[in-house]
Protein backbone atom coordinates (compact mmCIF):
# COMPACT_ATOMS: atom_id res chain seq x y z
CA MET A 1 84.39 118.64 81.43
CA ASP A 2 86.05 115.90 82.80
CA LEU A 3 83.76 113.44 84.52
CA VAL A 4 86.56 111.65 86.17
CA PRO A 5 89.32 113.49 87.79
CA THR A 6 92.87 112.68 86.37
CA PRO A 7 95.13 110.64 88.57
CA LEU A 8 98.34 112.05 89.61
CA GLN A 9 101.42 109.69 90.88
CA ILE A 10 102.09 111.03 94.67
CA ALA A 11 105.13 110.75 96.51
CA ILE A 12 104.80 111.42 100.31
CA ILE A 13 107.56 112.10 102.44
CA THR A 14 107.41 112.42 106.41
CA VAL A 15 110.08 114.01 108.30
CA SER A 16 110.06 112.86 111.87
CA ASP A 17 112.85 110.94 114.17
CA THR A 18 110.16 109.23 115.70
CA ARG A 19 107.32 108.10 113.87
CA THR A 20 107.02 104.99 111.81
CA LEU A 21 104.75 104.22 109.02
CA ASP A 22 102.56 102.20 111.86
CA THR A 23 102.48 105.45 114.13
CA ASP A 24 102.57 107.80 110.94
CA LYS A 25 99.29 110.11 111.10
CA SER A 26 99.98 112.81 109.00
CA GLY A 27 101.33 110.36 106.70
CA GLY A 28 98.25 108.39 106.44
CA LEU A 29 96.05 110.49 106.56
CA LEU A 30 97.72 112.25 103.10
CA MET A 31 97.84 108.39 102.13
CA ASP A 32 94.21 107.65 102.49
CA GLN A 33 92.56 111.13 101.14
CA LEU A 34 94.78 111.24 98.26
CA LEU A 35 93.89 107.68 97.38
CA ALA A 36 90.36 108.18 97.94
CA ALA A 37 90.69 111.62 95.67
CA GLY A 38 91.37 108.80 92.72
CA HIS A 39 95.26 109.36 92.43
CA VAL A 40 98.82 107.07 93.09
CA ILE A 41 101.14 107.01 95.55
CA ALA A 42 104.18 106.16 93.94
CA LEU A 43 106.42 106.69 97.37
CA ARG A 44 106.18 106.68 100.71
CA ARG A 45 108.65 107.35 103.31
CA ILE A 46 110.17 108.23 106.29
CA VAL A 47 113.28 110.54 106.88
CA LYS A 48 115.15 111.90 110.20
CA ASP A 49 114.80 115.04 110.47
CA ASP A 50 118.63 116.27 109.19
CA LEU A 51 119.45 118.20 106.40
CA ASP A 52 120.85 116.20 104.01
CA ALA A 53 118.25 113.00 104.61
CA ILE A 54 115.82 114.83 103.59
CA ARG A 55 117.01 116.56 100.51
CA SER A 56 118.15 112.99 99.23
CA ALA A 57 114.46 111.90 99.84
CA LEU A 58 113.17 115.31 97.90
CA SER A 59 115.05 114.44 95.17
CA GLN A 60 114.26 111.33 94.57
CA GLY A 61 111.27 112.02 94.33
CA ILE A 62 111.53 114.91 91.61
CA ASP A 63 114.05 113.01 89.59
CA GLU A 64 111.82 110.41 89.87
CA PRO A 65 109.62 111.17 85.81
CA LEU A 66 106.65 109.19 86.39
CA ILE A 67 106.08 111.67 90.05
CA ASP A 68 103.80 114.26 89.49
CA VAL A 69 104.04 115.80 92.85
CA VAL A 70 105.58 115.50 96.09
CA ILE A 71 104.08 116.16 99.65
CA THR A 72 105.91 116.20 102.84
CA THR A 73 105.02 116.28 106.37
CA GLY A 74 106.86 117.68 109.38
CA GLY A 75 109.98 119.79 109.77
CA THR A 76 108.33 122.86 108.67
CA GLY A 77 108.65 124.63 112.37
CA ILE A 78 111.17 127.24 113.82
CA THR A 79 113.02 124.33 116.17
CA GLN A 80 116.37 123.59 115.70
CA ARG A 81 115.66 120.43 114.43
CA ASP A 82 112.81 121.92 111.59
CA VAL A 83 115.26 121.82 107.85
CA THR A 84 112.66 121.03 105.61
CA PRO A 85 112.37 124.37 104.60
CA GLU A 86 116.03 124.35 104.11
CA ALA A 87 116.59 121.21 102.10
CA PHE A 88 113.97 122.21 99.71
CA GLY A 89 115.10 125.41 99.05
CA PRO A 90 118.01 124.58 97.12
CA LEU A 91 115.91 122.47 94.99
CA VAL A 92 113.02 124.96 93.97
CA THR A 93 112.75 126.08 90.45
CA LYS A 94 110.01 127.86 91.02
CA ALA A 95 108.13 128.91 94.64
CA ILE A 96 104.60 129.29 94.85
CA PRO A 97 103.91 131.33 97.45
CA GLY A 98 100.26 131.52 97.21
CA PHE A 99 100.55 128.24 98.82
CA GLY A 100 102.13 129.29 102.02
CA GLU A 101 100.39 132.23 102.19
CA LEU A 102 96.71 130.75 101.91
CA PHE A 103 98.10 128.09 104.33
CA ARG A 104 98.83 130.24 106.66
CA TRP A 105 95.79 132.60 106.39
CA LEU A 106 93.02 128.94 106.99
CA SER A 107 95.01 128.42 109.70
CA TYR A 108 94.34 131.24 111.59
CA ALA A 109 91.16 130.76 111.56
CA ASP A 110 91.96 127.49 113.52
CA ILE A 111 94.65 128.57 115.75
CA GLY A 112 95.03 131.73 116.01
CA ALA A 113 98.19 133.68 115.73
CA SER A 114 100.47 130.25 116.25
CA THR A 115 100.32 130.27 112.71
CA ILE A 116 102.90 132.31 111.81
CA GLN A 117 104.79 129.51 113.11
CA SER A 118 104.63 127.72 110.18
CA ARG A 119 106.92 127.35 107.19
CA ALA A 120 104.51 125.70 105.00
CA GLU A 121 105.34 126.49 101.37
CA ALA A 122 105.50 125.03 98.08
CA GLY A 123 107.53 124.90 94.87
CA LEU A 124 108.06 123.70 91.58
CA CYS A 125 111.09 121.70 91.21
CA GLY A 126 112.05 121.14 87.27
CA THR A 127 108.58 119.64 86.75
CA THR A 128 107.51 118.41 89.65
CA LEU A 129 105.16 120.12 92.42
CA VAL A 130 106.53 119.84 96.04
CA PHE A 131 103.54 120.87 98.95
CA MET A 132 105.62 121.01 102.38
CA LEU A 133 103.17 120.58 105.33
CA PRO A 134 103.39 120.84 108.97
CA GLY A 135 103.71 117.74 110.85
CA SER A 136 100.12 117.87 112.65
CA THR A 137 96.76 116.21 111.31
CA GLY A 138 95.27 119.00 111.47
CA ALA A 139 97.85 120.98 109.19
CA VAL A 140 97.27 118.25 106.87
CA ARG A 141 93.99 118.08 106.72
CA LEU A 142 93.16 121.97 106.39
CA ALA A 143 95.82 121.92 103.76
CA LEU A 144 94.36 118.87 101.70
CA GLU A 145 90.99 119.79 102.24
CA LYS A 146 91.32 123.63 101.54
CA ILE A 147 93.92 123.88 98.64
CA ILE A 148 96.16 121.00 97.28
CA LEU A 149 92.60 118.02 96.74
CA PRO A 150 91.17 121.25 94.59
CA GLN A 151 93.80 122.27 92.81
CA LEU A 152 95.25 118.33 92.36
CA ASP A 153 91.65 117.77 90.96
CA SER A 154 91.30 118.68 86.75
CA ARG A 155 87.58 119.69 87.60
CA THR A 156 88.52 122.41 89.43
CA LYS A 157 87.69 125.37 87.91
CA PRO A 158 88.86 127.91 86.46
CA CYS A 159 92.08 126.22 86.66
CA ASN A 160 93.81 123.53 88.41
CA PHE A 161 97.88 122.00 88.84
CA VAL A 162 96.84 119.10 86.99
CA GLU A 163 95.84 121.09 83.46
CA LEU A 164 99.44 122.79 84.32
CA LEU A 165 101.71 119.89 84.71
CA PRO A 166 101.50 119.26 80.77
CA ARG A 167 102.49 122.63 79.91
CA VAL A 168 105.12 122.95 82.45
CA ARG A 169 106.73 119.65 81.05
CA SER A 170 106.28 120.77 77.57
CA GLU A 171 108.42 123.71 78.11
CA SER A 172 111.43 122.04 80.04
């Protein structure tokens, strides 16, 4: 049994036209919680709400062999500027629909039917796990505490993403 969690290399990408690293509360929350859980922040950046810029930033994280996980925050709503899922879609090799389903189910307790406006999702892109979260700190906290941190902890049983990553990599 693992007594200490296996640290993962994680990239954080905030999608926003207005935030800076100093004002990015959701990205800061991601960084603080992931570091506290023993993970390493390999990349943190902010990109504009632009499909090509988002796809380029995602590709940078996915293509870096040392990065295990990419987490985005922002751009998952339904307005014209919310294009993170569209940037993400062509990069996905295996969708993980259970993430978005579970996130919205858990979110319903906090925000009710408004949760249907979220297009949060996750997928495997090659050998890199990618999670797309809404931009609100409440949504980020919920996703981290209830789904992502437990699945990025090698001690979570019966199974977790940490134990699956080596198998994913060996099969590619």
